[in-house]
Amino acid sequence: MPGRAKFTLSLLSLVGVVLFASCGGSEDSEKLSRTDFDFLRLGMSYQEVVARVGEADRDVGSGINIMVYDLSDGTQLMLSFASLEDLMAVHLYDPDRDTRELILGAEG
């Protein structure tokens, strides 16, 4: 293989490895943190939330929508909606300690 072609192939291989490594990353690096949700206000719609931080990881509610976002520190932010048009409460759940803290809204 001529020198120039060998160099080009090596360079392309290196670029490929760098791109692959940068895409792999840790799953946690893609997760949100608590401060990403500082904009939340009672009465917001779920679509307003999605426009800012994306879709929730899951809905665990029964009778109401409880949209759960898994955060980078292992905690979970739980947004409660009677309908997806009206944010009623926000809780921070720590599965390691099995504790739940009211962040926004009224205890009920």
PDB file of N, CA and C in Angstrom:
ATOM      1  N   MET A   1       0.864  -1.176   0.000  1.00  0.00           N
ATOM      2  CA  MET A   1       0.000   0.000   0.000  1.00  0.00           C
ATOM      3  C   MET A   1       0.908   1.235   0.000  1.00  0.00           C
ATOM      4  N   PRO A   2       0.678   2.184  -0.915  1.00  0.00           N
ATOM      5  CA  PRO A   2       1.498   3.396  -0.942  1.00  0.00           C
ATOM      6  C   PRO A   2       1.388   4.148   0.375  1.00  0.00           C
ATOM      7  N   GLY A   3       2.434   4.934   0.701  1.00  0.00           N
ATOM      8  CA  GLY A   3       2.514   5.658   1.964  1.00  0.00           C
ATOM      9  C   GLY A   3       1.345   6.584   2.222  1.00  0.00           C
ATOM     10  N   ARG A   4       0.924   7.327   1.207  1.00  0.00           N
ATOM     11  CA  ARG A   4      -0.169   8.291   1.384  1.00  0.00           C
ATOM     12  C   ARG A   4      -1.483   7.573   1.683  1.00  0.00           C
ATOM     13  N   ALA A   5      -1.766   6.488   0.981  1.00  0.00           N
ATOM     14  CA  ALA A   5      -2.996   5.723   1.210  1.00  0.00           C
ATOM     15  C   ALA A   5      -2.990   5.107   2.603  1.00  0.00           C
ATOM     16  N   LYS A   6      -1.828   4.610   3.025  1.00  0.00           N
ATOM     17  CA  LYS A   6      -1.705   4.018   4.356  1.00  0.00           C
ATOM     18  C   LYS A   6      -1.945   5.071   5.437  1.00  0.00           C
ATOM     19  N   PHE A   7      -1.388   6.272   5.249  1.00  0.00           N
ATOM     20  CA  PHE A   7      -1.588   7.377   6.189  1.00  0.00           C
ATOM     21  C   PHE A   7      -3.071   7.755   6.266  1.00  0.00           C
ATOM     22  N   THR A   8      -3.714   7.876   5.078  1.00  0.00           N
ATOM     23  CA  THR A   8      -5.138   8.248   5.026  1.00  0.00           C
ATOM     24  C   THR A   8      -5.990   7.202   5.740  1.00  0.00           C
ATOM     25  N   LEU A   9      -5.698   5.930   5.503  1.00  0.00           N
ATOM     26  CA  LEU A   9      -6.444   4.853   6.154  1.00  0.00           C
ATOM     27  C   LEU A   9      -6.237   4.904   7.671  1.00  0.00           C
ATOM     28  N   SER A  10      -5.022   5.147   8.107  1.00  0.00           N
ATOM     29  CA  SER A  10      -4.744   5.251   9.547  1.00  0.00           C
ATOM     30  C   SER A  10      -5.477   6.432  10.163  1.00  0.00           C
ATOM     31  N   LEU A  11      -5.470   7.554   9.459  1.00  0.00           N
ATOM     32  CA  LEU A  11      -6.156   8.754   9.948  1.00  0.00           C
ATOM     33  C   LEU A  11      -7.659   8.513  10.049  1.00  0.00           C
ATOM     34  N   LEU A  12      -8.229   7.895   9.028  1.00  0.00           N
ATOM     35  CA  LEU A  12      -9.671   7.598   9.061  1.00  0.00           C
ATOM     36  C   LEU A  12     -10.009   6.630  10.195  1.00  0.00           C
ATOM     37  N   SER A  13      -9.145   5.659  10.430  1.00  0.00           N
ATOM     38  CA  SER A  13      -9.368   4.713  11.532  1.00  0.00           C
ATOM     39  C   SER A  13      -9.345   5.435  12.870  1.00  0.00           C
ATOM     40  N   LEU A  14      -8.379   6.336  13.035  1.00  0.00           N
ATOM     41  CA  LEU A  14      -8.281   7.105  14.275  1.00  0.00           C
ATOM     42  C   LEU A  14      -9.517   7.963  14.489  1.00  0.00           C
ATOM     43  N   VAL A  15      -9.974   8.635  13.433  1.00  0.00           N
ATOM     44  CA  VAL A  15     -11.179   9.461  13.529  1.00  0.00           C
ATOM     45  C   VAL A  15     -12.371   8.589  13.911  1.00  0.00           C
ATOM     46  N   GLY A  16     -12.477   7.413  13.332  1.00  0.00           N
ATOM     47  CA  GLY A  16     -13.566   6.496  13.662  1.00  0.00           C
ATOM     48  C   GLY A  16     -13.557   6.083  15.114  1.00  0.00           C
ATOM     49  N   VAL A  17     -12.377   5.774  15.630  1.00  0.00           N
ATOM     50  CA  VAL A  17     -12.256   5.376  17.039  1.00  0.00           C
ATOM     51  C   VAL A  17     -12.654   6.529  17.956  1.00  0.00           C
ATOM     52  N   VAL A  18     -12.199   7.742  17.644  1.00  0.00           N
ATOM     53  CA  VAL A  18     -12.540   8.909  18.459  1.00  0.00           C
ATOM     54  C   VAL A  18     -14.044   9.155  18.429  1.00  0.00           C
ATOM     55  N   LEU A  19     -14.649   9.089  17.259  1.00  0.00           N
ATOM     56  CA  LEU A  19     -16.101   9.301  17.161  1.00  0.00           C
ATOM     57  C   LEU A  19     -16.859   8.227  17.919  1.00  0.00           C
ATOM     58  N   PHE A  20     -16.439   6.985  17.792  1.00  0.00           N
ATOM     59  CA  PHE A  20     -17.105   5.890  18.501  1.00  0.00           C
ATOM     60  C   PHE A  20     -17.004   6.086  20.014  1.00  0.00           C
ATOM     61  N   ALA A  21     -15.828   6.451  20.488  1.00  0.00           N
ATOM     62  CA  ALA A  21     -15.627   6.649  21.928  1.00  0.00           C
ATOM     63  C   ALA A  21     -16.466   7.809  22.443  1.00  0.00           C
ATOM     64  N   SER A  22     -16.577   8.874  21.667  1.00  0.00           N
ATOM     65  CA  SER A  22     -17.340  10.037  22.130  1.00  0.00           C
ATOM     66  C   SER A  22     -18.829   9.764  22.141  1.00  0.00           C
ATOM     67  N   CYS A  23     -19.298   8.860  21.313  1.00  0.00           N
ATOM     68  CA  CYS A  23     -20.722   8.526  21.296  1.00  0.00           C
ATOM     69  C   CYS A  23     -21.074   7.556  22.408  1.00  0.00           C
ATOM     70  N   GLY A  24     -20.129   6.690  22.783  1.00  0.00           N
ATOM     71  CA  GLY A  24     -20.396   5.675  23.789  1.00  0.00           C
ATOM     72  C   GLY A  24     -20.729   6.280  25.122  1.00  0.00           C
ATOM     73  N   GLY A  25     -19.820   6.978  25.705  1.00  0.00           N
ATOM     74  CA  GLY A  25     -20.014   7.670  26.970  1.00  0.00           C
ATOM     75  C   GLY A  25     -20.813   6.889  27.990  1.00  0.00           C
ATOM     76  N   SER A  26     -20.955   7.438  29.130  1.00  0.00           N
ATOM     77  CA  SER A  26     -21.750   6.821  30.176  1.00  0.00           C
ATOM     78  C   SER A  26     -23.201   7.247  30.007  1.00  0.00           C
ATOM     79  N   GLU A  27     -24.103   6.365  30.360  1.00  0.00           N
ATOM     80  CA  GLU A  27     -25.524   6.681  30.246  1.00  0.00           C
ATOM     81  C   GLU A  27     -25.880   7.860  31.144  1.00  0.00           C
ATOM     82  N   ASP A  28     -25.208   7.973  32.289  1.00  0.00           N
ATOM     83  CA  ASP A  28     -25.497   9.058  33.214  1.00  0.00           C
ATOM     84  C   ASP A  28     -25.189  10.425  32.629  1.00  0.00           C
ATOM     85  N   SER A  29     -24.227  10.502  31.701  1.00  0.00           N
ATOM     86  CA  SER A  29     -23.876  11.800  31.132  1.00  0.00           C
ATOM     87  C   SER A  29     -25.034  12.381  30.324  1.00  0.00           C
ATOM     88  N   GLU A  30     -25.960  11.519  29.897  1.00  0.00           N
ATOM     89  CA  GLU A  30     -27.109  11.984  29.131  1.00  0.00           C
ATOM     90  C   GLU A  30     -28.289  12.339  30.043  1.00  0.00           C
ATOM     91  N   LYS A  31     -28.234  11.919  31.279  1.00  0.00           N
ATOM     92  CA  LYS A  31     -29.346  12.161  32.190  1.00  0.00           C
ATOM     93  C   LYS A  31     -29.324  13.590  32.702  1.00  0.00           C
ATOM     94  N   LEU A  32     -30.481  14.037  33.088  1.00  0.00           N
ATOM     95  CA  LEU A  32     -30.655  15.398  33.587  1.00  0.00           C
ATOM     96  C   LEU A  32     -30.336  15.487  35.070  1.00  0.00           C
ATOM     97  N   SER A  33     -30.111  16.698  35.542  1.00  0.00           N
ATOM     98  CA  SER A  33     -29.896  16.922  36.972  1.00  0.00           C
ATOM     99  C   SER A  33     -31.089  17.701  37.531  1.00  0.00           C
ATOM    100  N   ARG A  34     -31.151  17.776  38.827  1.00  0.00           N
ATOM    101  CA  ARG A  34     -32.249  18.478  39.501  1.00  0.00           C
ATOM    102  C   ARG A  34     -32.380  19.922  39.022  1.00  0.00           C
ATOM    103  N   THR A  35     -31.256  20.596  38.799  1.00  0.00           N
ATOM    104  CA  THR A  35     -31.293  22.004  38.393  1.00  0.00           C
ATOM    105  C   THR A  35     -31.859  22.210  36.994  1.00  0.00           C
ATOM    106  N   ASP A  36     -31.889  21.157  36.183  1.00  0.00           N
ATOM    107  CA  ASP A  36     -32.498  21.272  34.851  1.00  0.00           C
ATOM    108  C   ASP A  36     -34.001  21.514  34.939  1.00  0.00           C
ATOM    109  N   PHE A  37     -34.576  21.310  36.125  1.00  0.00           N
ATOM    110  CA  PHE A  37     -36.014  21.443  36.315  1.00  0.00           C
ATOM    111  C   PHE A  37     -36.385  22.679  37.136  1.00  0.00           C
ATOM    112  N   ASP A  38     -35.460  23.585  37.317  1.00  0.00           N
ATOM    113  CA  ASP A  38     -35.735  24.790  38.111  1.00  0.00           C
ATOM    114  C   ASP A  38     -36.844  25.658  37.511  1.00  0.00           C
ATOM    115  N   PHE A  39     -37.160  25.462  36.256  1.00  0.00           N
ATOM    116  CA  PHE A  39     -38.190  26.255  35.578  1.00  0.00           C
ATOM    117  C   PHE A  39     -39.608  25.813  35.926  1.00  0.00           C
ATOM    118  N   LEU A  40     -39.781  24.668  36.562  1.00  0.00           N
ATOM    119  CA  LEU A  40     -41.119  24.114  36.804  1.00  0.00           C
ATOM    120  C   LEU A  40     -41.984  25.052  37.647  1.00  0.00           C
ATOM    121  N   ARG A  41     -43.238  25.171  37.244  1.00  0.00           N
ATOM    122  CA  ARG A  41     -44.242  25.954  37.972  1.00  0.00           C
ATOM    123  C   ARG A  41     -45.549  25.169  37.987  1.00  0.00           C
ATOM    124  N   LEU A  42     -46.293  25.270  39.080  1.00  0.00           N
ATOM    125  CA  LEU A  42     -47.607  24.622  39.133  1.00  0.00           C
ATOM    126  C   LEU A  42     -48.461  25.122  37.987  1.00  0.00           C
ATOM    127  N   GLY A  43     -49.269  24.228  37.432  1.00  0.00           N
ATOM    128  CA  GLY A  43     -50.166  24.598  36.346  1.00  0.00           C
ATOM    129  C   GLY A  43     -49.572  24.415  34.958  1.00  0.00           C
ATOM    130  N   MET A  44     -48.273  24.148  34.860  1.00  0.00           N
ATOM    131  CA  MET A  44     -47.658  23.915  33.543  1.00  0.00           C
ATOM    132  C   MET A  44     -48.244  22.652  32.928  1.00  0.00           C
ATOM    133  N   SER A  45     -48.222  22.592  31.611  1.00  0.00           N
ATOM    134  CA  SER A  45     -48.644  21.367  30.931  1.00  0.00           C
ATOM    135  C   SER A  45     -47.434  20.449  30.748  1.00  0.00           C
ATOM    136  N   TYR A  46     -47.716  19.176  30.550  1.00  0.00           N
ATOM    137  CA  TYR A  46     -46.637  18.218  30.314  1.00  0.00           C
ATOM    138  C   TYR A  46     -45.886  18.594  29.038  1.00  0.00           C
ATOM    139  N   GLN A  47     -46.601  19.088  28.027  1.00  0.00           N
ATOM    140  CA  GLN A  47     -45.940  19.476  26.777  1.00  0.00           C
ATOM    141  C   GLN A  47     -44.954  20.628  26.983  1.00  0.00           C
ATOM    142  N   GLU A  48     -45.263  21.547  27.898  1.00  0.00           N
ATOM    143  CA  GLU A  48     -44.317  22.623  28.215  1.00  0.00           C
ATOM    144  C   GLU A  48     -43.047  22.049  28.856  1.00  0.00           C
ATOM    145  N   VAL A  49     -43.225  21.050  29.699  1.00  0.00           N
ATOM    146  CA  VAL A  49     -42.079  20.402  30.333  1.00  0.00           C
ATOM    147  C   VAL A  49     -41.252  19.680  29.271  1.00  0.00           C
ATOM    148  N   VAL A  50     -41.919  18.917  28.419  1.00  0.00           N
ATOM    149  CA  VAL A  50     -41.233  18.162  27.366  1.00  0.00           C
ATOM    150  C   VAL A  50     -40.447  19.092  26.446  1.00  0.00           C
ATOM    151  N   ALA A  51     -40.996  20.256  26.162  1.00  0.00           N
ATOM    152  CA  ALA A  51     -40.305  21.216  25.293  1.00  0.00           C
ATOM    153  C   ALA A  51     -38.974  21.659  25.903  1.00  0.00           C
ATOM    154  N   ARG A  52     -38.875  21.641  27.206  1.00  0.00           N
ATOM    155  CA  ARG A  52     -37.645  22.084  27.892  1.00  0.00           C
ATOM    156  C   ARG A  52     -36.661  20.951  28.170  1.00  0.00           C
ATOM    157  N   VAL A  53     -37.161  19.784  28.600  1.00  0.00           N
ATOM    158  CA  VAL A  53     -36.264  18.713  29.054  1.00  0.00           C
ATOM    159  C   VAL A  53     -36.480  17.369  28.366  1.00  0.00           C
ATOM    160  N   GLY A  54     -37.441  17.288  27.473  1.00  0.00           N
ATOM    161  CA  GLY A  54     -37.702  16.025  26.788  1.00  0.00           C
ATOM    162  C   GLY A  54     -38.720  15.161  27.523  1.00  0.00           C
ATOM    163  N   GLU A  55     -39.008  14.021  26.909  1.00  0.00           N
ATOM    164  CA  GLU A  55     -39.997  13.084  27.447  1.00  0.00           C
ATOM    165  C   GLU A  55     -39.511  12.476  28.768  1.00  0.00           C
ATOM    166  N   ALA A  56     -40.452  12.155  29.630  1.00  0.00           N
ATOM    167  CA  ALA A  56     -40.141  11.467  30.887  1.00  0.00           C
ATOM    168  C   ALA A  56     -39.675  10.047  30.579  1.00  0.00           C
ATOM    169  N   ASP A  57     -38.987   9.442  31.521  1.00  0.00           N
ATOM    170  CA  ASP A  57     -38.535   8.062  31.355  1.00  0.00           C
ATOM    171  C   ASP A  57     -39.696   7.076  31.434  1.00  0.00           C
ATOM    172  N   ARG A  58     -40.729   7.430  32.221  1.00  0.00           N
ATOM    173  CA  ARG A  58     -41.896   6.552  32.323  1.00  0.00           C
ATOM    174  C   ARG A  58     -43.022   7.266  33.069  1.00  0.00           C
ATOM    175  N   ASP A  59     -44.225   6.711  32.943  1.00  0.00           N
ATOM    176  CA  ASP A  59     -45.409   7.175  33.670  1.00  0.00           C
ATOM    177  C   ASP A  59     -45.801   6.060  34.619  1.00  0.00           C
ATOM    178  N   VAL A  60     -45.721   6.322  35.929  1.00  0.00           N
ATOM    179  CA  VAL A  60     -46.022   5.287  36.926  1.00  0.00           C
ATOM    180  C   VAL A  60     -47.368   5.506  37.607  1.00  0.00           C
ATOM    181  N   GLY A  61     -48.116   6.475  37.128  1.00  0.00           N
ATOM    182  CA  GLY A  61     -49.377   6.807  37.774  1.00  0.00           C
ATOM    183  C   GLY A  61     -50.485   5.822  37.465  1.00  0.00           C
ATOM    184  N   SER A  62     -51.485   5.854  38.317  1.00  0.00           N
ATOM    185  CA  SER A  62     -52.703   5.086  38.126  1.00  0.00           C
ATOM    186  C   SER A  62     -53.844   5.997  38.569  1.00  0.00           C
ATOM    187  N   GLY A  63     -54.610   6.486  37.614  1.00  0.00           N
ATOM    188  CA  GLY A  63     -55.657   7.459  37.918  1.00  0.00           C
ATOM    189  C   GLY A  63     -55.181   8.875  37.673  1.00  0.00           C
ATOM    190  N   ILE A  64     -53.910   9.128  37.944  1.00  0.00           N
ATOM    191  CA  ILE A  64     -53.267  10.389  37.572  1.00  0.00           C
ATOM    192  C   ILE A  64     -51.958  10.034  36.861  1.00  0.00           C
ATOM    193  N   ASN A  65     -51.423  10.981  36.127  1.00  0.00           N
ATOM    194  CA  ASN A  65     -50.140  10.761  35.470  1.00  0.00           C
ATOM    195  C   ASN A  65     -49.022  11.187  36.409  1.00  0.00           C
ATOM    196  N   ILE A  66     -48.122  10.276  36.695  1.00  0.00           N
ATOM    197  CA  ILE A  66     -46.916  10.600  37.459  1.00  0.00           C
ATOM    198  C   ILE A  66     -45.746  10.316  36.526  1.00  0.00           C
ATOM    199  N   MET A  67     -45.217  11.402  35.965  1.00  0.00           N
ATOM    200  CA  MET A  67     -44.150  11.293  34.984  1.00  0.00           C
ATOM    201  C   MET A  67     -42.812  11.299  35.729  1.00  0.00           C
ATOM    202  N   VAL A  68     -41.992  10.273  35.506  1.00  0.00           N
ATOM    203  CA  VAL A  68     -40.744  10.087  36.240  1.00  0.00           C
ATOM    204  C   VAL A  68     -39.551  10.364  35.332  1.00  0.00           C
ATOM    205  N   TYR A  69     -38.671  11.220  35.826  1.00  0.00           N
ATOM    206  CA  TYR A  69     -37.390  11.493  35.166  1.00  0.00           C
ATOM    207  C   TYR A  69     -36.293  10.929  36.055  1.00  0.00           C
ATOM    208  N   ASP A  70     -35.485  10.013  35.522  1.00  0.00           N
ATOM    209  CA  ASP A  70     -34.338   9.475  36.244  1.00  0.00           C
ATOM    210  C   ASP A  70     -33.201  10.489  36.132  1.00  0.00           C
ATOM    211  N   LEU A  71     -32.707  10.930  37.272  1.00  0.00           N
ATOM    212  CA  LEU A  71     -31.671  11.963  37.283  1.00  0.00           C
ATOM    213  C   LEU A  71     -30.268  11.358  37.368  1.00  0.00           C
ATOM    214  N   SER A  72     -29.293  12.158  37.014  1.00  0.00           N
ATOM    215  CA  SER A  72     -27.904  11.690  36.942  1.00  0.00           C
ATOM    216  C   SER A  72     -27.345  11.237  38.285  1.00  0.00           C
ATOM    217  N   ASP A  73     -27.897  11.718  39.394  1.00  0.00           N
ATOM    218  CA  ASP A  73     -27.386  11.332  40.717  1.00  0.00           C
ATOM    219  C   ASP A  73     -28.095  10.103  41.296  1.00  0.00           C
ATOM    220  N   GLY A  74     -28.959   9.468  40.508  1.00  0.00           N
ATOM    221  CA  GLY A  74     -29.659   8.269  40.964  1.00  0.00           C
ATOM    222  C   GLY A  74     -31.019   8.537  41.568  1.00  0.00           C
ATOM    223  N   THR A  75     -31.364   9.804  41.794  1.00  0.00           N
ATOM    224  CA  THR A  75     -32.691  10.135  42.307  1.00  0.00           C
ATOM    225  C   THR A  75     -33.669  10.220  41.145  1.00  0.00           C
ATOM    226  N   GLN A  76     -34.936  10.374  41.478  1.00  0.00           N
ATOM    227  CA  GLN A  76     -35.987  10.455  40.471  1.00  0.00           C
ATOM    228  C   GLN A  76     -36.865  11.663  40.756  1.00  0.00           C
ATOM    229  N   LEU A  77     -37.134  12.441  39.718  1.00  0.00           N
ATOM    230  CA  LEU A  77     -38.059  13.558  39.849  1.00  0.00           C
ATOM    231  C   LEU A  77     -39.412  13.071  39.349  1.00  0.00           C
ATOM    232  N   MET A  78     -40.429  13.214  40.207  1.00  0.00           N
ATOM    233  CA  MET A  78     -41.763  12.709  39.893  1.00  0.00           C
ATOM    234  C   MET A  78     -42.715  13.890  39.754  1.00  0.00           C
ATOM    235  N   LEU A  79     -43.258  14.074  38.541  1.00  0.00           N
ATOM    236  CA  LEU A  79     -44.167  15.173  38.240  1.00  0.00           C
ATOM    237  C   LEU A  79     -45.582  14.624  38.174  1.00  0.00           C
ATOM    238  N   SER A  80     -46.477  15.149  39.015  1.00  0.00           N
ATOM    239  CA  SER A  80     -47.855  14.660  39.086  1.00  0.00           C
ATOM    240  C   SER A  80     -48.790  15.577  38.322  1.00  0.00           C
ATOM    241  N   PHE A  81     -49.587  14.975  37.433  1.00  0.00           N
ATOM    242  CA  PHE A  81     -50.566  15.693  36.626  1.00  0.00           C
ATOM    243  C   PHE A  81     -51.919  14.996  36.762  1.00  0.00           C
ATOM    244  N   ALA A  82     -52.990  15.764  37.117  1.00  0.00           N
ATOM    245  CA  ALA A  82     -54.344  15.194  37.098  1.00  0.00           C
ATOM    246  C   ALA A  82     -54.736  14.962  35.636  1.00  0.00           C
ATOM    247  N   SER A  83     -54.422  15.932  34.814  1.00  0.00           N
ATOM    248  CA  SER A  83     -54.476  15.791  33.364  1.00  0.00           C
ATOM    249  C   SER A  83     -53.122  16.304  32.894  1.00  0.00           C
ATOM    250  N   LEU A  84     -52.737  15.986  31.710  1.00  0.00           N
ATOM    251  CA  LEU A  84     -51.415  16.399  31.241  1.00  0.00           C
ATOM    252  C   LEU A  84     -51.339  17.900  30.972  1.00  0.00           C
ATOM    253  N   GLU A  85     -52.385  18.609  31.334  1.00  0.00           N
ATOM    254  CA  GLU A  85     -52.433  20.060  31.131  1.00  0.00           C
ATOM    255  C   GLU A  85     -52.172  20.859  32.404  1.00  0.00           C
ATOM    256  N   ASP A  86     -51.984  20.181  33.548  1.00  0.00           N
ATOM    257  CA  ASP A  86     -51.933  20.904  34.822  1.00  0.00           C
ATOM    258  C   ASP A  86     -51.012  20.217  35.820  1.00  0.00           C
ATOM    259  N   LEU A  87     -49.776  20.715  35.950  1.00  0.00           N
ATOM    260  CA  LEU A  87     -48.830  20.165  36.919  1.00  0.00           C
ATOM    261  C   LEU A  87     -49.325  20.479  38.332  1.00  0.00           C
ATOM    262  N   MET A  88     -49.511  19.414  39.130  1.00  0.00           N
ATOM    263  CA  MET A  88     -50.045  19.565  40.484  1.00  0.00           C
ATOM    264  C   MET A  88     -48.972  19.512  41.567  1.00  0.00           C
ATOM    265  N   ALA A  89     -47.936  18.699  41.358  1.00  0.00           N
ATOM    266  CA  ALA A  89     -46.912  18.522  42.386  1.00  0.00           C
ATOM    267  C   ALA A  89     -45.649  17.936  41.776  1.00  0.00           C
ATOM    268  N   VAL A  90     -44.542  18.199  42.456  1.00  0.00           N
ATOM    269  CA  VAL A  90     -43.251  17.640  42.057  1.00  0.00           C
ATOM    270  C   VAL A  90     -42.588  17.085  43.311  1.00  0.00           C
ATOM    271  N   HIS A  91     -42.163  15.831  43.233  1.00  0.00           N
ATOM    272  CA  HIS A  91     -41.468  15.173  44.342  1.00  0.00           C
ATOM    273  C   HIS A  91     -40.109  14.685  43.862  1.00  0.00           C
ATOM    274  N   LEU A  92     -39.152  14.679  44.781  1.00  0.00           N
ATOM    275  CA  LEU A  92     -37.846  14.089  44.528  1.00  0.00           C
ATOM    276  C   LEU A  92     -37.780  12.803  45.330  1.00  0.00           C
ATOM    277  N   TYR A  93     -37.600  11.687  44.626  1.00  0.00           N
ATOM    278  CA  TYR A  93     -37.554  10.382  45.279  1.00  0.00           C
ATOM    279  C   TYR A  93     -36.120   9.861  45.244  1.00  0.00           C
ATOM    280  N   ASP A  94     -35.649   9.405  46.383  1.00  0.00           N
ATOM    281  CA  ASP A  94     -34.322   8.804  46.486  1.00  0.00           C
ATOM    282  C   ASP A  94     -34.501   7.311  46.754  1.00  0.00           C
ATOM    283  N   PRO A  95     -34.311   6.475  45.733  1.00  0.00           N
ATOM    284  CA  PRO A  95     -34.536   5.039  45.925  1.00  0.00           C
ATOM    285  C   PRO A  95     -33.540   4.393  46.885  1.00  0.00           C
ATOM    286  N   ASP A  96     -32.348   4.956  47.023  1.00  0.00           N
ATOM    287  CA  ASP A  96     -31.359   4.386  47.950  1.00  0.00           C
ATOM    288  C   ASP A  96     -31.801   4.531  49.398  1.00  0.00           C
ATOM    289  N   ARG A  97     -32.420   5.647  49.719  1.00  0.00           N
ATOM    290  CA  ARG A  97     -32.884   5.903  51.091  1.00  0.00           C
ATOM    291  C   ARG A  97     -34.373   5.645  51.261  1.00  0.00           C
ATOM    292  N   ASP A  98     -35.070   5.430  50.143  1.00  0.00           N
ATOM    293  CA  ASP A  98     -36.525   5.275  50.117  1.00  0.00           C
ATOM    294  C   ASP A  98     -37.203   6.485  50.772  1.00  0.00           C
ATOM    295  N   THR A  99     -36.759   7.686  50.349  1.00  0.00           N
ATOM    296  CA  THR A  99     -37.345   8.924  50.863  1.00  0.00           C
ATOM    297  C   THR A  99     -37.945   9.712  49.710  1.00  0.00           C
ATOM    298  N   ARG A 100     -38.962  10.485  50.037  1.00  0.00           N
ATOM    299  CA  ARG A 100     -39.628  11.337  49.053  1.00  0.00           C
ATOM    300  C   ARG A 100     -39.768  12.731  49.632  1.00  0.00           C
ATOM    301  N   GLU A 101     -39.314  13.723  48.877  1.00  0.00           N
ATOM    302  CA  GLU A 101     -39.349  15.117  49.323  1.00  0.00           C
ATOM    303  C   GLU A 101     -40.234  15.932  48.376  1.00  0.00           C
ATOM    304  N   LEU A 102     -41.160  16.691  48.946  1.00  0.00           N
ATOM    305  CA  LEU A 102     -42.009  17.574  48.146  1.00  0.00           C
ATOM    306  C   LEU A 102     -41.173  18.776  47.695  1.00  0.00           C
ATOM    307  N   ILE A 103     -41.103  18.994  46.403  1.00  0.00           N
ATOM    308  CA  ILE A 103     -40.351  20.098  45.837  1.00  0.00           C
ATOM    309  C   ILE A 103     -41.288  21.261  45.470  1.00  0.00           C
ATOM    310  N   LEU A 104     -42.459  20.911  44.960  1.00  0.00           N
ATOM    311  CA  LEU A 104     -43.408  21.908  44.486  1.00  0.00           C
ATOM    312  C   LEU A 104     -44.809  21.367  44.664  1.00  0.00           C
ATOM    313  N   GLY A 105     -45.731  22.203  45.152  1.00  0.00           N
ATOM    314  CA  GLY A 105     -47.122  21.780  45.330  1.00  0.00           C
ATOM    315  C   GLY A 105     -47.458  21.604  46.802  1.00  0.00           C
ATOM    316  N   ALA A 106     -48.613  21.044  47.040  1.00  0.00           N
ATOM    317  CA  ALA A 106     -49.096  20.862  48.412  1.00  0.00           C
ATOM    318  C   ALA A 106     -49.143  19.376  48.728  1.00  0.00           C
ATOM    319  N   GLU A 107     -48.867  19.043  49.975  1.00  0.00           N
ATOM    320  CA  GLU A 107     -49.002  17.647  50.416  1.00  0.00           C
ATOM    321  C   GLU A 107     -50.487  17.288  50.356  1.00  0.00           C
ATOM    322  N   GLY A 108     -50.739  16.088  49.932  1.00  0.00           N
ATOM    323  CA  GLY A 108     -52.141  15.735  49.822  1.00  0.00           C
ATOM    324  C   GLY A 108     -52.464  14.326  50.065  1.00  0.00           C
TER     325      GLY A 108
END
